[in-house]
Amino acid sequence: MPDFHMISGGPRPVAPFSHAVEADGWVILTGQMPTDPDAPDAPLPEGVVAQTHRVMRNLEIVLKGVGLDLSNVMQCRCFLTEFERDYAAFNETYQSYFPAVRRPARTTVGVTALAVGALVEIDCIARRD
């Protein structure tokens, strides 16, 4: 049976979902937005770099809430609303969270819009060791 996780102190959901769902050691995290868990109604950070940092910190919060960290991440799906403009800056920021020899598989897609007017959203799949 899967476990459905809502993380205390985690980002406030912007839609009806669980922060993460787990089964057989696999943990699937819902896409995280660049909202601040401590101030969920505050304006989003400006620019893709600041928003990417906030999204990555939110992923870390959810992972920590289930006893994992970024080293457990196997795959990420990344969504950018301004793909051509922001792709290079996004990559530079994103890669700072993973050692070069242990980067997860990744897909990055340009989209027309994201919830809360975000520039970036990232979901991921992690695995317990």
N, C-alpha and C. Protein backbone atom coordinates (compact mmCIF):
# COMPACT_ATOMS: atom_id res chain seq x y z
N MET A 1 0.83 -1.18 0.00
CA MET A 1 0.00 0.00 0.00
C MET A 1 0.88 1.24 0.00
N PRO A 2 0.60 2.23 -0.80
CA PRO A 2 1.41 3.45 -0.77
C PRO A 2 1.16 4.27 0.49
N ASP A 3 2.19 5.04 0.86
CA ASP A 3 2.09 6.01 1.94
C ASP A 3 1.98 7.39 1.31
N PHE A 4 1.04 8.18 1.78
CA PHE A 4 0.83 9.53 1.28
C PHE A 4 1.32 10.50 2.34
N HIS A 5 2.31 11.31 1.98
CA HIS A 5 2.98 12.19 2.93
C HIS A 5 2.61 13.65 2.73
N MET A 6 2.21 14.29 3.83
CA MET A 6 2.11 15.75 3.89
C MET A 6 3.12 16.17 4.94
N ILE A 7 4.05 17.00 4.56
CA ILE A 7 5.18 17.35 5.41
C ILE A 7 4.85 18.57 6.27
N SER A 8 4.92 18.40 7.57
CA SER A 8 4.71 19.51 8.48
C SER A 8 5.80 20.57 8.23
N GLY A 9 5.40 21.80 8.03
CA GLY A 9 6.35 22.85 7.72
C GLY A 9 6.74 22.91 6.27
N GLY A 10 6.16 22.02 5.46
CA GLY A 10 6.45 22.02 4.03
C GLY A 10 5.69 23.11 3.30
N PRO A 11 5.98 23.28 2.02
CA PRO A 11 5.29 24.29 1.24
C PRO A 11 3.78 24.05 1.24
N ARG A 12 3.03 25.13 1.30
CA ARG A 12 1.57 25.02 1.24
C ARG A 12 1.18 24.56 -0.17
N PRO A 13 0.39 23.50 -0.28
CA PRO A 13 -0.03 23.04 -1.61
C PRO A 13 -0.80 24.11 -2.37
N VAL A 14 -0.55 24.18 -3.66
CA VAL A 14 -1.27 25.11 -4.53
C VAL A 14 -2.38 24.40 -5.29
N ALA A 15 -2.56 23.11 -5.01
CA ALA A 15 -3.59 22.28 -5.65
C ALA A 15 -3.83 21.09 -4.72
N PRO A 16 -4.83 20.25 -5.01
CA PRO A 16 -5.07 19.09 -4.15
C PRO A 16 -4.08 17.96 -4.44
N PHE A 17 -3.05 17.83 -3.61
CA PHE A 17 -2.05 16.78 -3.77
C PHE A 17 -1.35 16.49 -2.45
N SER A 18 -0.63 15.39 -2.40
CA SER A 18 0.28 15.07 -1.31
C SER A 18 1.65 15.60 -1.68
N HIS A 19 2.45 15.96 -0.68
CA HIS A 19 3.83 16.38 -0.97
C HIS A 19 4.61 15.25 -1.62
N ALA A 20 4.36 14.02 -1.15
CA ALA A 20 5.08 12.86 -1.69
C ALA A 20 4.23 11.61 -1.49
N VAL A 21 4.44 10.65 -2.36
CA VAL A 21 3.80 9.34 -2.25
C VAL A 21 4.91 8.30 -2.34
N GLU A 22 4.85 7.31 -1.45
CA GLU A 22 5.93 6.32 -1.36
C GLU A 22 5.38 4.90 -1.46
N ALA A 23 6.09 4.07 -2.20
CA ALA A 23 5.77 2.64 -2.28
C ALA A 23 7.04 1.88 -2.64
N ASP A 24 7.29 0.79 -1.95
CA ASP A 24 8.42 -0.10 -2.25
C ASP A 24 9.75 0.63 -2.33
N GLY A 25 9.96 1.63 -1.48
CA GLY A 25 11.23 2.35 -1.46
C GLY A 25 11.33 3.49 -2.45
N TRP A 26 10.36 3.63 -3.35
CA TRP A 26 10.33 4.73 -4.30
C TRP A 26 9.50 5.86 -3.71
N VAL A 27 10.01 7.07 -3.81
CA VAL A 27 9.32 8.25 -3.28
C VAL A 27 9.15 9.24 -4.44
N ILE A 28 7.91 9.55 -4.74
CA ILE A 28 7.60 10.46 -5.85
C ILE A 28 7.16 11.78 -5.24
N LEU A 29 7.90 12.84 -5.52
CA LEU A 29 7.60 14.16 -4.99
C LEU A 29 6.81 14.97 -6.00
N THR A 30 5.76 15.62 -5.49
CA THR A 30 4.99 16.54 -6.30
C THR A 30 5.88 17.70 -6.74
N GLY A 31 5.59 18.25 -7.91
CA GLY A 31 6.32 19.41 -8.38
C GLY A 31 6.26 20.54 -7.37
N GLN A 32 7.41 21.11 -7.07
CA GLN A 32 7.49 22.19 -6.11
C GLN A 32 7.56 23.53 -6.82
N MET A 33 6.90 24.49 -6.21
CA MET A 33 6.85 25.85 -6.72
C MET A 33 7.81 26.72 -5.91
N PRO A 34 8.12 27.92 -6.40
CA PRO A 34 9.04 28.80 -5.67
C PRO A 34 8.36 29.64 -4.59
N THR A 35 7.45 29.01 -3.87
CA THR A 35 6.78 29.69 -2.76
C THR A 35 7.57 29.45 -1.48
N ASP A 36 7.46 30.39 -0.55
CA ASP A 36 8.17 30.30 0.72
C ASP A 36 7.27 29.64 1.75
N PRO A 37 7.65 28.48 2.30
CA PRO A 37 6.80 27.82 3.29
C PRO A 37 6.52 28.69 4.51
N ASP A 38 7.44 29.61 4.85
CA ASP A 38 7.27 30.48 6.00
C ASP A 38 6.41 31.70 5.70
N ALA A 39 6.20 31.99 4.42
CA ALA A 39 5.39 33.14 4.00
C ALA A 39 4.70 32.79 2.68
N PRO A 40 3.76 31.85 2.71
CA PRO A 40 3.19 31.32 1.47
C PRO A 40 2.45 32.34 0.61
N ASP A 41 2.04 33.46 1.18
CA ASP A 41 1.34 34.47 0.40
C ASP A 41 2.26 35.59 -0.07
N ALA A 42 3.54 35.50 0.25
CA ALA A 42 4.51 36.51 -0.18
C ALA A 42 4.71 36.42 -1.69
N PRO A 43 5.11 37.53 -2.32
CA PRO A 43 5.41 37.47 -3.75
C PRO A 43 6.53 36.45 -4.02
N LEU A 44 6.51 35.87 -5.20
CA LEU A 44 7.56 34.93 -5.59
C LEU A 44 8.89 35.67 -5.73
N PRO A 45 10.01 34.97 -5.52
CA PRO A 45 11.31 35.60 -5.77
C PRO A 45 11.39 36.05 -7.23
N GLU A 46 12.16 37.09 -7.47
CA GLU A 46 12.29 37.60 -8.83
C GLU A 46 13.35 36.83 -9.60
N GLY A 47 13.02 36.42 -10.80
CA GLY A 47 13.96 35.80 -11.71
C GLY A 47 14.10 34.30 -11.52
N VAL A 48 14.57 33.64 -12.57
CA VAL A 48 14.66 32.18 -12.58
C VAL A 48 15.70 31.66 -11.61
N VAL A 49 16.78 32.39 -11.38
CA VAL A 49 17.81 31.91 -10.45
C VAL A 49 17.25 31.85 -9.03
N ALA A 50 16.66 32.93 -8.57
CA ALA A 50 16.08 32.96 -7.23
C ALA A 50 14.95 31.94 -7.09
N GLN A 51 14.13 31.81 -8.12
CA GLN A 51 13.03 30.85 -8.06
C GLN A 51 13.56 29.41 -8.06
N THR A 52 14.62 29.14 -8.81
CA THR A 52 15.19 27.79 -8.81
C THR A 52 15.75 27.45 -7.43
N HIS A 53 16.45 28.37 -6.81
CA HIS A 53 16.95 28.12 -5.45
C HIS A 53 15.79 27.81 -4.51
N ARG A 54 14.71 28.57 -4.58
CA ARG A 54 13.57 28.34 -3.68
C ARG A 54 12.93 26.98 -3.95
N VAL A 55 12.78 26.62 -5.21
CA VAL A 55 12.21 25.31 -5.55
C VAL A 55 13.10 24.19 -5.01
N MET A 56 14.40 24.31 -5.18
CA MET A 56 15.31 23.28 -4.69
C MET A 56 15.25 23.18 -3.17
N ARG A 57 15.18 24.31 -2.49
CA ARG A 57 15.04 24.27 -1.03
C ARG A 57 13.73 23.60 -0.62
N ASN A 58 12.66 23.86 -1.38
CA ASN A 58 11.39 23.21 -1.08
C ASN A 58 11.46 21.70 -1.31
N LEU A 59 12.14 21.27 -2.36
CA LEU A 59 12.36 19.84 -2.56
C LEU A 59 13.14 19.25 -1.39
N GLU A 60 14.16 19.97 -0.92
CA GLU A 60 14.94 19.49 0.23
C GLU A 60 14.06 19.36 1.48
N ILE A 61 13.15 20.29 1.68
CA ILE A 61 12.24 20.23 2.83
C ILE A 61 11.39 18.98 2.76
N VAL A 62 10.82 18.71 1.60
CA VAL A 62 9.95 17.54 1.45
C VAL A 62 10.78 16.26 1.60
N LEU A 63 11.94 16.21 0.97
CA LEU A 63 12.79 15.03 1.11
C LEU A 63 13.17 14.79 2.57
N LYS A 64 13.57 15.85 3.27
CA LYS A 64 13.94 15.70 4.68
C LYS A 64 12.75 15.20 5.49
N GLY A 65 11.56 15.64 5.13
CA GLY A 65 10.35 15.21 5.83
C GLY A 65 10.07 13.73 5.73
N VAL A 66 10.62 13.09 4.71
CA VAL A 66 10.47 11.63 4.57
C VAL A 66 11.79 10.91 4.84
N GLY A 67 12.75 11.62 5.43
CA GLY A 67 14.01 11.00 5.83
C GLY A 67 15.02 10.82 4.70
N LEU A 68 14.92 11.64 3.66
CA LEU A 68 15.84 11.54 2.53
C LEU A 68 16.49 12.89 2.27
N ASP A 69 17.37 12.93 1.27
CA ASP A 69 17.95 14.19 0.83
C ASP A 69 18.20 14.11 -0.68
N LEU A 70 18.81 15.14 -1.23
CA LEU A 70 19.00 15.18 -2.68
C LEU A 70 19.86 14.04 -3.21
N SER A 71 20.67 13.42 -2.37
CA SER A 71 21.49 12.29 -2.84
C SER A 71 20.63 11.08 -3.17
N ASN A 72 19.39 11.06 -2.72
CA ASN A 72 18.47 9.96 -3.02
C ASN A 72 17.70 10.17 -4.32
N VAL A 73 17.82 11.34 -4.92
CA VAL A 73 17.04 11.66 -6.11
C VAL A 73 17.59 10.92 -7.32
N MET A 74 16.70 10.24 -8.01
CA MET A 74 17.07 9.47 -9.20
C MET A 74 16.73 10.19 -10.50
N GLN A 75 15.66 11.00 -10.47
CA GLN A 75 15.19 11.64 -11.69
C GLN A 75 14.44 12.92 -11.34
N CYS A 76 14.62 13.95 -12.16
CA CYS A 76 13.88 15.21 -12.01
C CYS A 76 13.21 15.56 -13.33
N ARG A 77 12.04 16.15 -13.20
CA ARG A 77 11.38 16.77 -14.35
C ARG A 77 11.27 18.24 -14.02
N CYS A 78 11.76 19.06 -14.95
CA CYS A 78 11.83 20.50 -14.72
C CYS A 78 10.99 21.19 -15.79
N PHE A 79 10.29 22.23 -15.36
CA PHE A 79 9.38 22.96 -16.25
C PHE A 79 9.73 24.44 -16.18
N LEU A 80 9.95 25.04 -17.34
CA LEU A 80 10.31 26.45 -17.44
C LEU A 80 9.31 27.17 -18.34
N THR A 81 8.82 28.33 -17.89
CA THR A 81 7.88 29.09 -18.72
C THR A 81 8.59 29.94 -19.77
N GLU A 82 9.85 30.27 -19.53
CA GLU A 82 10.64 31.07 -20.49
C GLU A 82 11.89 30.26 -20.85
N PHE A 83 11.67 29.16 -21.55
CA PHE A 83 12.72 28.17 -21.79
C PHE A 83 13.97 28.79 -22.42
N GLU A 84 13.81 29.43 -23.55
CA GLU A 84 14.99 29.95 -24.25
C GLU A 84 15.72 31.00 -23.43
N ARG A 85 14.99 31.87 -22.78
CA ARG A 85 15.60 32.92 -21.99
C ARG A 85 16.30 32.37 -20.74
N ASP A 86 15.67 31.40 -20.07
CA ASP A 86 16.10 31.00 -18.73
C ASP A 86 16.88 29.70 -18.64
N TYR A 87 16.98 28.95 -19.72
CA TYR A 87 17.57 27.61 -19.65
C TYR A 87 19.00 27.61 -19.12
N ALA A 88 19.85 28.49 -19.62
CA ALA A 88 21.25 28.50 -19.18
C ALA A 88 21.37 28.87 -17.70
N ALA A 89 20.67 29.91 -17.29
CA ALA A 89 20.73 30.32 -15.88
C ALA A 89 20.13 29.25 -14.98
N PHE A 90 19.06 28.62 -15.43
CA PHE A 90 18.46 27.53 -14.67
C PHE A 90 19.47 26.40 -14.48
N ASN A 91 20.13 25.98 -15.57
CA ASN A 91 21.11 24.90 -15.48
C ASN A 91 22.23 25.22 -14.51
N GLU A 92 22.74 26.43 -14.57
CA GLU A 92 23.84 26.85 -13.69
C GLU A 92 23.41 26.72 -12.22
N THR A 93 22.20 27.14 -11.93
CA THR A 93 21.70 27.09 -10.56
C THR A 93 21.40 25.66 -10.14
N TYR A 94 20.68 24.93 -10.97
CA TYR A 94 20.28 23.55 -10.68
C TYR A 94 21.50 22.67 -10.38
N GLN A 95 22.52 22.77 -11.24
CA GLN A 95 23.67 21.87 -11.08
C GLN A 95 24.44 22.10 -9.78
N SER A 96 24.27 23.24 -9.16
CA SER A 96 24.97 23.50 -7.90
C SER A 96 24.44 22.65 -6.75
N TYR A 97 23.32 21.99 -6.94
CA TYR A 97 22.72 21.16 -5.89
C TYR A 97 23.14 19.69 -5.96
N PHE A 98 23.86 19.31 -7.02
CA PHE A 98 24.25 17.92 -7.20
C PHE A 98 25.73 17.83 -7.58
N PRO A 99 26.48 16.88 -6.99
CA PRO A 99 27.85 16.69 -7.44
C PRO A 99 27.87 16.23 -8.90
N ALA A 100 28.88 16.65 -9.63
CA ALA A 100 28.96 16.33 -11.07
C ALA A 100 28.91 14.83 -11.33
N VAL A 101 29.40 14.02 -10.41
CA VAL A 101 29.44 12.57 -10.62
C VAL A 101 28.15 11.87 -10.15
N ARG A 102 27.19 12.64 -9.64
CA ARG A 102 25.97 12.02 -9.11
C ARG A 102 24.75 12.88 -9.42
N ARG A 103 24.61 13.26 -10.67
CA ARG A 103 23.45 14.04 -11.07
C ARG A 103 22.32 13.10 -11.48
N PRO A 104 21.09 13.40 -11.06
CA PRO A 104 19.97 12.55 -11.44
C PRO A 104 19.68 12.67 -12.94
N ALA A 105 19.00 11.67 -13.47
CA ALA A 105 18.46 11.79 -14.81
C ALA A 105 17.51 12.98 -14.81
N ARG A 106 17.34 13.62 -15.96
CA ARG A 106 16.53 14.84 -15.96
C ARG A 106 15.90 15.09 -17.31
N THR A 107 14.69 15.61 -17.28
CA THR A 107 14.01 16.14 -18.45
C THR A 107 13.62 17.57 -18.13
N THR A 108 13.83 18.47 -19.08
CA THR A 108 13.41 19.85 -18.90
C THR A 108 12.52 20.23 -20.07
N VAL A 109 11.38 20.81 -19.74
CA VAL A 109 10.36 21.10 -20.74
C VAL A 109 9.96 22.56 -20.64
N GLY A 110 9.80 23.21 -21.79
CA GLY A 110 9.23 24.55 -21.82
C GLY A 110 7.72 24.44 -21.83
N VAL A 111 7.08 25.24 -20.99
CA VAL A 111 5.62 25.22 -20.87
C VAL A 111 5.08 26.64 -21.00
N THR A 112 3.79 26.75 -21.26
CA THR A 112 3.20 28.07 -21.45
C THR A 112 2.90 28.78 -20.14
N ALA A 113 2.65 28.05 -19.08
CA ALA A 113 2.35 28.67 -17.79
C ALA A 113 2.50 27.64 -16.69
N LEU A 114 2.72 28.14 -15.47
CA LEU A 114 2.78 27.31 -14.27
C LEU A 114 1.90 27.94 -13.20
N ALA A 115 1.51 27.13 -12.23
CA ALA A 115 0.71 27.63 -11.12
C ALA A 115 1.41 28.80 -10.44
N VAL A 116 0.65 29.65 -9.84
CA VAL A 116 1.08 30.85 -9.09
C VAL A 116 1.98 31.79 -9.89
N GLY A 117 1.98 31.66 -11.21
CA GLY A 117 2.79 32.54 -12.05
C GLY A 117 4.28 32.27 -11.98
N ALA A 118 4.65 31.05 -11.56
CA ALA A 118 6.06 30.69 -11.40
C ALA A 118 6.78 30.60 -12.75
N LEU A 119 8.08 30.80 -12.71
CA LEU A 119 8.94 30.61 -13.87
C LEU A 119 9.47 29.19 -13.95
N VAL A 120 9.51 28.48 -12.81
CA VAL A 120 10.10 27.14 -12.75
C VAL A 120 9.32 26.27 -11.76
N GLU A 121 9.24 25.00 -12.09
CA GLU A 121 8.69 23.96 -11.21
C GLU A 121 9.53 22.72 -11.42
N ILE A 122 9.78 21.98 -10.34
CA ILE A 122 10.55 20.73 -10.45
C ILE A 122 9.87 19.66 -9.61
N ASP A 123 9.68 18.49 -10.20
CA ASP A 123 9.25 17.32 -9.43
C ASP A 123 10.38 16.30 -9.50
N CYS A 124 10.31 15.28 -8.67
CA CYS A 124 11.38 14.30 -8.73
C CYS A 124 10.94 12.94 -8.18
N ILE A 125 11.75 11.97 -8.48
CA ILE A 125 11.58 10.61 -7.98
C ILE A 125 12.85 10.27 -7.21
N ALA A 126 12.66 9.82 -5.98
CA ALA A 126 13.79 9.44 -5.13
C ALA A 126 13.65 7.96 -4.75
N ARG A 127 14.74 7.40 -4.29
CA ARG A 127 14.76 5.99 -3.89
C ARG A 127 15.48 5.87 -2.56
N ARG A 128 14.87 5.11 -1.66
CA ARG A 128 15.56 4.83 -0.40
C ARG A 128 16.71 3.87 -0.67
N ASP A 129 17.84 4.07 0.00
CA ASP A 129 19.01 3.18 -0.16
C ASP A 129 18.72 1.81 0.42
